[in-house]
Structures are given as structure tokens and as C-alpha cells.
């Protein structure tokens, strides 16, 4: 029984690590520095911006973060909409942060 639990736990850890490495950040996502201000308001590169309803913030392990869980002045990539609100945010892992942005 314990052996089965250990194997299941190992599988879950490996699956999570593999999943985090496979996340795809869209090439048109912009890079910036973000911090949570209050509610659905974040500070993005020094200006206050609202998160869209249903916005997703994903950490370096591709896990969803609530806006209040966003570390201060963290390097992110993000997608915004025509309404000026932020719809998707990816907190960059050290490996992702080291990669240069694609030229547009």
C-alpha cells in the first residue's frame, strides 16, 4: 500500500514538472514587470492596469495564481485585449526570463 502511494506521488511530481516545461507562451505576449495593487488592479511597468474578468495568472510551474499571490515587481509576459485590460499573465521562470524576446 505504501509502495503504491510512493509511486503515485512520484508520478504526480514528474507529471507536474513535465507539464510546467511544456507550457507555451504565445510569441506575441509582451514582457513587463508586474505587481498586485488591489482587487483586480495590477501595476504593469509603473502604470496601473485592470485585469479582465476571468484573467489567468500562471506561475513558473504553470499553476494558476490569484492576483494577491503575485510577487512584487515580478518579470512576466502578458496578453491584453482591445479594452486595455490584461487577459493572460505568465510569471517567467529564470530560464524563460533569460530567453530573448522574438523580434516582431
PDB file of N, CA and C in Angstrom:
ATOM      1  N   UNK A   1       0.832  -1.193   0.000  1.00  0.00           N
ATOM      2  CA  UNK A   1       0.000   0.000   0.000  1.00  0.00           C
ATOM      3  C   UNK A   1       0.874   1.254   0.000  1.00  0.00           C
ATOM      4  N   UNK A   2       1.850   1.313   0.900  1.00  0.00           N
ATOM      5  CA  UNK A   2       2.728   2.482   0.975  1.00  0.00           C
ATOM      6  C   UNK A   2       3.537   2.608  -0.305  1.00  0.00           C
ATOM      7  N   UNK A   3       3.976   1.488  -0.822  1.00  0.00           N
ATOM      8  CA  UNK A   3       4.754   1.500  -2.074  1.00  0.00           C
ATOM      9  C   UNK A   3       3.926   2.091  -3.213  1.00  0.00           C
ATOM     10  N   UNK A   4       2.650   1.739  -3.283  1.00  0.00           N
ATOM     11  CA  UNK A   4       1.762   2.265  -4.319  1.00  0.00           C
ATOM     12  C   UNK A   4       1.602   3.780  -4.179  1.00  0.00           C
ATOM     13  N   UNK A   5       1.476   4.258  -2.950  1.00  0.00           N
ATOM     14  CA  UNK A   5       1.355   5.696  -2.702  1.00  0.00           C
ATOM     15  C   UNK A   5       2.635   6.429  -3.093  1.00  0.00           C
ATOM     16  N   UNK A   6       3.778   5.820  -2.798  1.00  0.00           N
ATOM     17  CA  UNK A   6       5.054   6.434  -3.174  1.00  0.00           C
ATOM     18  C   UNK A   6       5.178   6.529  -4.688  1.00  0.00           C
ATOM     19  N   UNK A   7       4.789   5.507  -5.396  1.00  0.00           N
ATOM     20  CA  UNK A   7       4.852   5.519  -6.858  1.00  0.00           C
ATOM     21  C   UNK A   7       3.895   6.565  -7.418  1.00  0.00           C
ATOM     22  N   UNK A   8       2.687   6.645  -6.866  1.00  0.00           N
ATOM     23  CA  UNK A   8       1.708   7.637  -7.323  1.00  0.00           C
ATOM     24  C   UNK A   8       2.224   9.057  -7.081  1.00  0.00           C
ATOM     25  N   UNK A   9       2.838   9.294  -5.928  1.00  0.00           N
ATOM     26  CA  UNK A   9       3.379  10.608  -5.614  1.00  0.00           C
ATOM     27  C   UNK A   9       4.529  10.962  -6.551  1.00  0.00           C
ATOM     28  N   UNK A  10       5.396  10.019  -6.812  1.00  0.00           N
ATOM     29  CA  UNK A  10       6.498  10.243  -7.745  1.00  0.00           C
ATOM     30  C   UNK A  10       5.969  10.572  -9.128  1.00  0.00           C
ATOM     31  N   UNK A  11       4.974   9.828  -9.586  1.00  0.00           N
ATOM     32  CA  UNK A  11       4.376  10.077 -10.895  1.00  0.00           C
ATOM     33  C   UNK A  11       3.771  11.481 -10.958  1.00  0.00           C
ATOM     34  N   UNK A  12       3.078  11.884  -9.902  1.00  0.00           N
ATOM     35  CA  UNK A  12       2.463  13.212  -9.873  1.00  0.00           C
ATOM     36  C   UNK A  12       3.514  14.313  -9.941  1.00  0.00           C
ATOM     37  N   UNK A  13       4.623  14.141  -9.235  1.00  0.00           N
ATOM     38  CA  UNK A  13       5.707  15.135  -9.254  1.00  0.00           C
ATOM     39  C   UNK A  13       6.341  15.232 -10.638  1.00  0.00           C
ATOM     40  N   UNK A  14       6.598  14.096 -11.247  1.00  0.00           N
ATOM     41  CA  UNK A  14       7.202  14.081 -12.580  1.00  0.00           C
ATOM     42  C   UNK A  14       6.247  14.674 -13.594  1.00  0.00           C
ATOM     43  N   UNK A  15       4.971  14.332 -13.519  1.00  0.00           N
ATOM     44  CA  UNK A  15       3.978  14.854 -14.454  1.00  0.00           C
ATOM     45  C   UNK A  15       3.866  16.374 -14.330  1.00  0.00           C
ATOM     46  N   UNK A  16       3.898  16.889 -13.108  1.00  0.00           N
ATOM     47  CA  UNK A  16       3.835  18.336 -12.898  1.00  0.00           C
ATOM     48  C   UNK A  16       5.065  19.016 -13.477  1.00  0.00           C
ATOM     49  N   UNK A  17       6.242  18.457 -13.262  1.00  0.00           N
ATOM     50  CA  UNK A  17       7.469  19.050 -13.793  1.00  0.00           C
ATOM     51  C   UNK A  17       7.477  19.037 -15.313  1.00  0.00           C
ATOM     52  N   UNK A  18       7.037  17.956 -15.916  1.00  0.00           N
ATOM     53  CA  UNK A  18       6.986  17.873 -17.374  1.00  0.00           C
ATOM     54  C   UNK A  18       5.972  18.858 -17.916  1.00  0.00           C
ATOM     55  N   UNK A  19       4.812  18.950 -17.274  1.00  0.00           N
ATOM     56  CA  UNK A  19       3.774  19.874 -17.723  1.00  0.00           C
ATOM     57  C   UNK A  19       4.271  21.318 -17.668  1.00  0.00           C
ATOM     58  N   UNK A  20       4.986  21.683 -16.619  1.00  0.00           N
ATOM     59  CA  UNK A  20       5.495  23.048 -16.476  1.00  0.00           C
ATOM     60  C   UNK A  20       6.491  23.374 -17.579  1.00  0.00           C
ATOM     61  N   UNK A  21       7.282  22.393 -18.012  1.00  0.00           N
ATOM     62  CA  UNK A  21       8.262  22.643 -19.062  1.00  0.00           C
ATOM     63  C   UNK A  21       7.606  22.743 -20.425  1.00  0.00           C
ATOM     64  N   UNK A  22       6.401  22.226 -20.578  1.00  0.00           N
ATOM     65  CA  UNK A  22       5.741  22.215 -21.871  1.00  0.00           C
ATOM     66  C   UNK A  22       4.829  23.414 -22.097  1.00  0.00           C
ATOM     67  N   UNK A  23       4.748  24.332 -21.155  1.00  0.00           N
ATOM     68  CA  UNK A  23       3.824  25.446 -21.354  1.00  0.00           C
ATOM     69  C   UNK A  23       4.285  26.302 -22.522  1.00  0.00           C
ATOM     70  N   UNK A  24       3.330  26.791 -23.241  1.00  0.00           N
ATOM     71  CA  UNK A  24       3.617  27.595 -24.427  1.00  0.00           C
ATOM     72  C   UNK A  24       3.122  29.013 -24.195  1.00  0.00           C
ATOM     73  N   UNK A  25       4.047  29.940 -24.131  1.00  0.00           N
ATOM     74  CA  UNK A  25       3.696  31.347 -24.020  1.00  0.00           C
ATOM     75  C   UNK A  25       3.617  31.870 -25.450  1.00  0.00           C
ATOM     76  N   UNK A  26       2.502  32.480 -25.831  1.00  0.00           N
ATOM     77  CA  UNK A  26       2.366  32.956 -27.212  1.00  0.00           C
ATOM     78  C   UNK A  26       3.494  33.920 -27.577  1.00  0.00           C
ATOM     79  N   UNK A  27       3.977  33.837 -28.815  1.00  0.00           N
ATOM     80  CA  UNK A  27       5.091  34.702 -29.221  1.00  0.00           C
ATOM     81  C   UNK A  27       4.742  36.188 -29.208  1.00  0.00           C
ATOM     82  N   UNK A  28       3.458  36.529 -29.280  1.00  0.00           N
ATOM     83  CA  UNK A  28       3.075  37.941 -29.272  1.00  0.00           C
ATOM     84  C   UNK A  28       2.863  38.493 -27.859  1.00  0.00           C
ATOM     85  N   UNK A  29       3.099  37.667 -26.834  1.00  0.00           N
ATOM     86  CA  UNK A  29       2.996  38.144 -25.450  1.00  0.00           C
ATOM     87  C   UNK A  29       4.108  39.152 -25.192  1.00  0.00           C
ATOM     88  N   UNK A  30       3.760  40.209 -24.486  1.00  0.00           N
ATOM     89  CA  UNK A  30       4.723  41.270 -24.171  1.00  0.00           C
ATOM     90  C   UNK A  30       5.365  41.000 -22.825  1.00  0.00           C
ATOM     91  N   UNK A  31       6.592  41.479 -22.661  1.00  0.00           N
ATOM     92  CA  UNK A  31       7.340  41.315 -21.410  1.00  0.00           C
ATOM     93  C   UNK A  31       7.173  42.580 -20.571  1.00  0.00           C
ATOM     94  N   UNK A  32       7.049  42.395 -19.272  1.00  0.00           N
ATOM     95  CA  UNK A  32       6.938  43.534 -18.383  1.00  0.00           C
ATOM     96  C   UNK A  32       7.163  43.128 -16.944  1.00  0.00           C
ATOM     97  N   UNK A  33       7.137  44.102 -16.055  1.00  0.00           N
ATOM     98  CA  UNK A  33       7.270  43.882 -14.626  1.00  0.00           C
ATOM     99  C   UNK A  33       5.919  44.192 -13.990  1.00  0.00           C
ATOM    100  N   UNK A  34       5.430  43.273 -13.155  1.00  0.00           N
ATOM    101  CA  UNK A  34       4.078  43.401 -12.620  1.00  0.00           C
ATOM    102  C   UNK A  34       4.064  43.208 -11.113  1.00  0.00           C
ATOM    103  N   UNK A  35       3.154  43.922 -10.456  1.00  0.00           N
ATOM    104  CA  UNK A  35       2.883  43.786  -9.023  1.00  0.00           C
ATOM    105  C   UNK A  35       1.387  43.937  -8.808  1.00  0.00           C
ATOM    106  N   UNK A  36       0.862  43.274  -7.788  1.00  0.00           N
ATOM    107  CA  UNK A  36      -0.549  43.435  -7.433  1.00  0.00           C
ATOM    108  C   UNK A  36      -0.708  44.727  -6.653  1.00  0.00           C
ATOM    109  N   UNK A  37      -1.778  45.480  -6.934  1.00  0.00           N
ATOM    110  CA  UNK A  37      -2.070  46.709  -6.202  1.00  0.00           C
ATOM    111  C   UNK A  37      -3.231  46.460  -5.251  1.00  0.00           C
ATOM    112  N   UNK A  38      -4.410  46.182  -5.804  1.00  0.00           N
ATOM    113  CA  UNK A  38      -5.586  45.837  -5.001  1.00  0.00           C
ATOM    114  C   UNK A  38      -6.657  45.269  -5.913  1.00  0.00           C
ATOM    115  N   UNK A  39      -7.458  44.366  -5.386  1.00  0.00           N
ATOM    116  CA  UNK A  39      -8.532  43.779  -6.173  1.00  0.00           C
ATOM    117  C   UNK A  39      -8.030  43.238  -7.501  1.00  0.00           C
ATOM    118  N   UNK A  40      -8.592  43.751  -8.580  1.00  0.00           N
ATOM    119  CA  UNK A  40      -8.207  43.324  -9.928  1.00  0.00           C
ATOM    120  C   UNK A  40      -7.286  44.351 -10.600  1.00  0.00           C
ATOM    121  N   UNK A  41      -6.617  45.160  -9.797  1.00  0.00           N
ATOM    122  CA  UNK A  41      -5.690  46.170 -10.313  1.00  0.00           C
ATOM    123  C   UNK A  41      -4.257  45.698 -10.089  1.00  0.00           C
ATOM    124  N   UNK A  42      -3.458  45.782 -11.154  1.00  0.00           N
ATOM    125  CA  UNK A  42      -2.032  45.476 -11.055  1.00  0.00           C
ATOM    126  C   UNK A  42      -1.254  46.672 -11.561  1.00  0.00           C
ATOM    127  N   UNK A  43       0.006  46.727 -11.165  1.00  0.00           N
ATOM    128  CA  UNK A  43       0.899  47.739 -11.701  1.00  0.00           C
ATOM    129  C   UNK A  43       1.786  47.039 -12.726  1.00  0.00           C
ATOM    130  N   UNK A  44       1.746  47.533 -13.958  1.00  0.00           N
ATOM    131  CA  UNK A  44       2.489  46.939 -15.060  1.00  0.00           C
ATOM    132  C   UNK A  44       3.436  47.994 -15.599  1.00  0.00           C
ATOM    133  N   UNK A  45       4.725  47.768 -15.418  1.00  0.00           N
ATOM    134  CA  UNK A  45       5.756  48.719 -15.854  1.00  0.00           C
ATOM    135  C   UNK A  45       5.462  50.142 -15.364  1.00  0.00           C
ATOM    136  N   UNK A  46       5.024  50.224 -14.102  1.00  0.00           N
ATOM    137  CA  UNK A  46       4.825  51.526 -13.475  1.00  0.00           C
ATOM    138  C   UNK A  46       3.467  52.168 -13.700  1.00  0.00           C
ATOM    139  N   UNK A  47       2.581  51.534 -14.446  1.00  0.00           N
ATOM    140  CA  UNK A  47       1.238  52.110 -14.643  1.00  0.00           C
ATOM    141  C   UNK A  47       0.193  51.115 -14.164  1.00  0.00           C
ATOM    142  N   UNK A  48      -0.889  51.640 -13.646  1.00  0.00           N
ATOM    143  CA  UNK A  48      -1.953  50.778 -13.131  1.00  0.00           C
ATOM    144  C   UNK A  48      -2.855  50.315 -14.268  1.00  0.00           C
ATOM    145  N   UNK A  49      -3.124  49.006 -14.256  1.00  0.00           N
ATOM    146  CA  UNK A  49      -3.934  48.377 -15.296  1.00  0.00           C
ATOM    147  C   UNK A  49      -4.901  47.415 -14.622  1.00  0.00           C
ATOM    148  N   UNK A  50      -6.073  47.266 -15.206  1.00  0.00           N
ATOM    149  CA  UNK A  50      -7.064  46.349 -14.651  1.00  0.00           C
ATOM    150  C   UNK A  50      -6.949  44.976 -15.317  1.00  0.00           C
ATOM    151  N   UNK A  51      -7.111  43.944 -14.511  1.00  0.00           N
ATOM    152  CA  UNK A  51      -7.195  42.590 -15.042  1.00  0.00           C
ATOM    153  C   UNK A  51      -8.614  42.365 -15.549  1.00  0.00           C
ATOM    154  N   UNK A  52      -8.752  41.681 -16.661  1.00  0.00           N
ATOM    155  CA  UNK A  52     -10.063  41.365 -17.208  1.00  0.00           C
ATOM    156  C   UNK A  52     -10.759  40.336 -16.320  1.00  0.00           C
ATOM    157  N   UNK A  53     -12.081  40.302 -16.392  1.00  0.00           N
ATOM    158  CA  UNK A  53     -12.828  39.264 -15.687  1.00  0.00           C
ATOM    159  C   UNK A  53     -12.375  37.916 -16.240  1.00  0.00           C
ATOM    160  N   UNK A  54     -12.043  36.991 -15.379  1.00  0.00           N
ATOM    161  CA  UNK A  54     -11.583  35.678 -15.815  1.00  0.00           C
ATOM    162  C   UNK A  54     -10.122  35.637 -16.221  1.00  0.00           C
ATOM    163  N   UNK A  55      -9.378  36.695 -15.934  1.00  0.00           N
ATOM    164  CA  UNK A  55      -7.945  36.719 -16.279  1.00  0.00           C
ATOM    165  C   UNK A  55      -7.231  35.576 -15.570  1.00  0.00           C
ATOM    166  N   UNK A  56      -6.236  35.020 -16.244  1.00  0.00           N
ATOM    167  CA  UNK A  56      -5.439  33.945 -15.649  1.00  0.00           C
ATOM    168  C   UNK A  56      -4.010  34.412 -15.462  1.00  0.00           C
ATOM    169  N   UNK A  57      -3.495  34.179 -14.257  1.00  0.00           N
ATOM    170  CA  UNK A  57      -2.094  34.438 -13.950  1.00  0.00           C
ATOM    171  C   UNK A  57      -1.478  33.077 -13.641  1.00  0.00           C
ATOM    172  N   UNK A  58      -0.435  32.715 -14.361  1.00  0.00           N
ATOM    173  CA  UNK A  58       0.222  31.418 -14.157  1.00  0.00           C
ATOM    174  C   UNK A  58       1.646  31.643 -13.684  1.00  0.00           C
ATOM    175  N   UNK A  59       2.052  30.872 -12.675  1.00  0.00           N
ATOM    176  CA  UNK A  59       3.409  31.000 -12.140  1.00  0.00           C
ATOM    177  C   UNK A  59       4.394  30.203 -12.994  1.00  0.00           C
ATOM    178  N   UNK A  60       5.639  30.158 -12.573  1.00  0.00           N
ATOM    179  CA  UNK A  60       6.682  29.461 -13.317  1.00  0.00           C
ATOM    180  C   UNK A  60       6.454  27.974 -13.452  1.00  0.00           C
ATOM    181  N   UNK A  61       5.594  27.403 -12.609  1.00  0.00           N
ATOM    182  CA  UNK A  61       5.230  25.988 -12.705  1.00  0.00           C
ATOM    183  C   UNK A  61       3.912  25.791 -13.435  1.00  0.00           C
ATOM    184  N   UNK A  62       3.401  26.848 -14.029  1.00  0.00           N
ATOM    185  CA  UNK A  62       2.158  26.839 -14.795  1.00  0.00           C
ATOM    186  C   UNK A  62       0.926  26.646 -13.921  1.00  0.00           C
ATOM    187  N   UNK A  63       1.060  26.910 -12.626  1.00  0.00           N
ATOM    188  CA  UNK A  63      -0.069  26.833 -11.711  1.00  0.00           C
ATOM    189  C   UNK A  63      -0.750  28.203 -11.680  1.00  0.00           C
ATOM    190  N   UNK A  64      -2.068  28.207 -11.540  1.00  0.00           N
ATOM    191  CA  UNK A  64      -2.807  29.461 -11.523  1.00  0.00           C
ATOM    192  C   UNK A  64      -2.602  30.168 -10.190  1.00  0.00           C
ATOM    193  N   UNK A  65      -2.323  31.461 -10.270  1.00  0.00           N
ATOM    194  CA  UNK A  65      -2.178  32.320  -9.090  1.00  0.00           C
ATOM    195  C   UNK A  65      -3.371  33.260  -9.011  1.00  0.00           C
ATOM    196  N   UNK A  66      -3.826  33.548  -7.814  1.00  0.00           N
ATOM    197  CA  UNK A  66      -4.791  34.629  -7.638  1.00  0.00           C
ATOM    198  C   UNK A  66      -3.997  35.931  -7.683  1.00  0.00           C
ATOM    199  N   UNK A  67      -4.629  37.042  -8.064  1.00  0.00           N
ATOM    200  CA  UNK A  67      -3.874  38.304  -8.174  1.00  0.00           C
ATOM    201  C   UNK A  67      -3.100  38.677  -6.915  1.00  0.00           C
ATOM    202  N   UNK A  68      -3.659  38.400  -5.740  1.00  0.00           N
ATOM    203  CA  UNK A  68      -2.955  38.745  -4.495  1.00  0.00           C
ATOM    204  C   UNK A  68      -1.713  37.890  -4.279  1.00  0.00           C
ATOM    205  N   UNK A  69      -1.583  36.762  -4.980  1.00  0.00           N
ATOM    206  CA  UNK A  69      -0.420  35.899  -4.867  1.00  0.00           C
ATOM    207  C   UNK A  69       0.721  36.303  -5.770  1.00  0.00           C
ATOM    208  N   UNK A  70       0.527  37.356  -6.543  1.00  0.00           N
ATOM    209  CA  UNK A  70       1.558  37.827  -7.468  1.00  0.00           C
ATOM    210  C   UNK A  70       2.683  38.502  -6.692  1.00  0.00           C
ATOM    211  N   UNK A  71       3.914  38.005  -6.816  1.00  0.00           N
ATOM    212  CA  UNK A  71       5.035  38.654  -6.117  1.00  0.00           C
ATOM    213  C   UNK A  71       5.257  40.089  -6.630  1.00  0.00           C
ATOM    214  N   UNK A  72       5.850  40.923  -5.809  1.00  0.00           N
ATOM    215  CA  UNK A  72       6.126  42.316  -6.208  1.00  0.00           C
ATOM    216  C   UNK A  72       7.193  42.368  -7.287  1.00  0.00           C
ATOM    217  N   UNK A  73       6.962  43.242  -8.247  1.00  0.00           N
ATOM    218  CA  UNK A  73       7.927  43.524  -9.324  1.00  0.00           C
ATOM    219  C   UNK A  73       8.473  42.260  -9.976  1.00  0.00           C
ATOM    220  N   UNK A  74       7.580  41.357 -10.322  1.00  0.00           N
ATOM    221  CA  UNK A  74       7.971  40.094 -10.931  1.00  0.00           C
ATOM    222  C   UNK A  74       7.969  40.236 -12.457  1.00  0.00           C
ATOM    223  N   UNK A  75       8.917  39.580 -13.091  1.00  0.00           N
ATOM    224  CA  UNK A  75       9.012  39.618 -14.547  1.00  0.00           C
ATOM    225  C   UNK A  75       7.974  38.673 -15.136  1.00  0.00           C
ATOM    226  N   UNK A  76       7.154  39.207 -16.053  1.00  0.00           N
ATOM    227  CA  UNK A  76       6.062  38.435 -16.643  1.00  0.00           C
ATOM    228  C   UNK A  76       6.016  38.642 -18.151  1.00  0.00           C
ATOM    229  N   UNK A  77       5.240  37.793 -18.800  1.00  0.00           N
ATOM    230  CA  UNK A  77       4.781  38.041 -20.159  1.00  0.00           C
ATOM    231  C   UNK A  77       3.274  38.092 -20.046  1.00  0.00           C
ATOM    232  N   UNK A  78       2.637  38.919 -20.865  1.00  0.00           N
ATOM    233  CA  UNK A  78       1.198  39.121 -20.719  1.00  0.00           C
ATOM    234  C   UNK A  78       0.549  39.395 -22.072  1.00  0.00           C
ATOM    235  N   UNK A  79      -0.748  39.140 -22.110  1.00  0.00           N
ATOM    236  CA  UNK A  79      -1.574  39.468 -23.269  1.00  0.00           C
ATOM    237  C   UNK A  79      -2.707  40.358 -22.796  1.00  0.00           C
ATOM    238  N   UNK A  80      -2.919  41.425 -23.512  1.00  0.00           N
ATOM    239  CA  UNK A  80      -4.010  42.332 -23.205  1.00  0.00           C
ATOM    240  C   UNK A  80      -5.027  42.317 -24.330  1.00  0.00           C
ATOM    241  N   UNK A  81      -6.180  42.877 -24.054  1.00  0.00           N
ATOM    242  CA  UNK A  81      -7.236  42.943 -25.060  1.00  0.00           C
ATOM    243  C   UNK A  81      -7.399  44.353 -25.589  1.00  0.00           C
ATOM    244  N   UNK A  82      -8.292  44.499 -26.538  1.00  0.00           N
ATOM    245  CA  UNK A  82      -8.578  45.813 -27.125  1.00  0.00           C
ATOM    246  C   UNK A  82      -9.157  46.772 -26.085  1.00  0.00           C
ATOM    247  N   UNK A  83      -9.727  46.211 -25.027  1.00  0.00           N
ATOM    248  CA  UNK A  83     -10.303  47.030 -23.963  1.00  0.00           C
ATOM    249  C   UNK A  83      -9.244  47.588 -23.010  1.00  0.00           C
ATOM    250  N   UNK A  84      -7.975  47.225 -23.221  1.00  0.00           N
ATOM    251  CA  UNK A  84      -6.888  47.714 -22.380  1.00  0.00           C
ATOM    252  C   UNK A  84      -6.674  46.899 -21.116  1.00  0.00           C
ATOM    253  N   UNK A  85      -7.501  45.881 -20.903  1.00  0.00           N
ATOM    254  CA  UNK A  85      -7.364  45.034 -19.717  1.00  0.00           C
ATOM    255  C   UNK A  85      -6.451  43.851 -20.030  1.00  0.00           C
ATOM    256  N   UNK A  86      -5.817  43.337 -18.997  1.00  0.00           N
ATOM    257  CA  UNK A  86      -4.908  42.201 -19.133  1.00  0.00           C
ATOM    258  C   UNK A  86      -5.712  40.899 -19.006  1.00  0.00           C
ATOM    259  N   UNK A  87      -5.544  39.998 -19.981  1.00  0.00           N
ATOM    260  CA  UNK A  87      -6.309  38.752 -20.006  1.00  0.00           C
ATOM    261  C   UNK A  87      -5.498  37.538 -19.548  1.00  0.00           C
ATOM    262  N   UNK A  88      -4.224  37.471 -19.910  1.00  0.00           N
ATOM    263  CA  UNK A  88      -3.379  36.329 -19.559  1.00  0.00           C
ATOM    264  C   UNK A  88      -2.019  36.837 -19.095  1.00  0.00           C
ATOM    265  N   UNK A  89      -1.488  36.202 -18.043  1.00  0.00           N
ATOM    266  CA  UNK A  89      -0.181  36.573 -17.492  1.00  0.00           C
ATOM    267  C   UNK A  89       0.585  35.291 -17.196  1.00  0.00           C
ATOM    268  N   UNK A  90       1.860  35.277 -17.564  1.00  0.00           N
ATOM    269  CA  UNK A  90       2.754  34.163 -17.243  1.00  0.00           C
ATOM    270  C   UNK A  90       3.937  34.723 -16.466  1.00  0.00           C
ATOM    271  N   UNK A  91       4.095  34.309 -15.216  1.00  0.00           N
ATOM    272  CA  UNK A  91       5.273  34.672 -14.435  1.00  0.00           C
ATOM    273  C   UNK A  91       6.424  33.860 -15.026  1.00  0.00           C
ATOM    274  N   UNK A  92       7.501  34.537 -15.380  1.00  0.00           N
ATOM    275  CA  UNK A  92       8.606  33.873 -16.063  1.00  0.00           C
ATOM    276  C   UNK A  92       9.513  33.131 -15.089  1.00  0.00           C
ATOM    277  N   UNK A  93       9.846  31.916 -15.457  1.00  0.00           N
ATOM    278  CA  UNK A  93      10.842  31.156 -14.710  1.00  0.00           C
ATOM    279  C   UNK A  93      12.205  31.761 -15.040  1.00  0.00           C
ATOM    280  N   UNK A  94      13.240  31.471 -14.271  1.00  0.00           N
ATOM    281  CA  UNK A  94      14.570  32.003 -14.594  1.00  0.00           C
ATOM    282  C   UNK A  94      15.023  31.632 -16.015  1.00  0.00           C
ATOM    283  N   UNK A  95      14.688  30.420 -16.467  1.00  0.00           N
ATOM    284  CA  UNK A  95      15.068  30.004 -17.820  1.00  0.00           C
ATOM    285  C   UNK A  95      14.318  30.814 -18.878  1.00  0.00           C
ATOM    286  N   UNK A  96      13.028  31.050 -18.651  1.00  0.00           N
ATOM    287  CA  UNK A  96      12.231  31.835 -19.605  1.00  0.00           C
ATOM    288  C   UNK A  96      12.676  33.296 -19.614  1.00  0.00           C
ATOM    289  N   UNK A  97      13.014  33.821 -18.443  1.00  0.00           N
ATOM    290  CA  UNK A  97      13.456  35.215 -18.357  1.00  0.00           C
ATOM    291  C   UNK A  97      14.771  35.424 -19.093  1.00  0.00           C
ATOM    292  N   UNK A  98      15.622  34.401 -19.147  1.00  0.00           N
ATOM    293  CA  UNK A  98      16.921  34.507 -19.817  1.00  0.00           C
ATOM    294  C   UNK A  98      16.799  34.465 -21.338  1.00  0.00           C
ATOM    295  N   UNK A  99      15.667  33.976 -21.852  1.00  0.00           N
ATOM    296  CA  UNK A  99      15.496  33.906 -23.305  1.00  0.00           C
ATOM    297  C   UNK A  99      15.119  35.264 -23.861  1.00  0.00           C
ATOM    298  N   UNK A 100      15.744  35.669 -24.983  1.00  0.00           N
ATOM    299  CA  UNK A 100      15.399  36.956 -25.576  1.00  0.00           C
ATOM    300  C   UNK A 100      14.021  36.906 -26.219  1.00  0.00           C
ATOM    301  N   UNK A 101      13.369  38.055 -26.296  1.00  0.00           N
ATOM    302  CA  UNK A 101      12.080  38.133 -26.978  1.00  0.00           C
ATOM    303  C   UNK A 101      12.301  38.008 -28.479  1.00  0.00           C
ATOM    304  N   UNK A 102      11.330  37.444 -29.146  1.00  0.00           N
ATOM    305  CA  UNK A 102      11.408  37.337 -30.607  1.00  0.00           C
ATOM    306  C   UNK A 102      11.202  38.708 -31.221  1.00  0.00           C
ATOM    307  N   UNK A 103      11.921  38.988 -32.269  1.00  0.00           N
ATOM    308  CA  UNK A 103      11.771  40.276 -32.974  1.00  0.00           C
ATOM    309  C   UNK A 103      10.467  40.245 -33.750  1.00  0.00           C
ATOM    310  N   UNK A 104       9.763  41.363 -33.730  1.00  0.00           N
ATOM    311  CA  UNK A 104       8.488  41.451 -34.440  1.00  0.00           C
ATOM    312  C   UNK A 104       8.622  42.273 -35.692  1.00  0.00           C
TER     313      UNK A 104
END
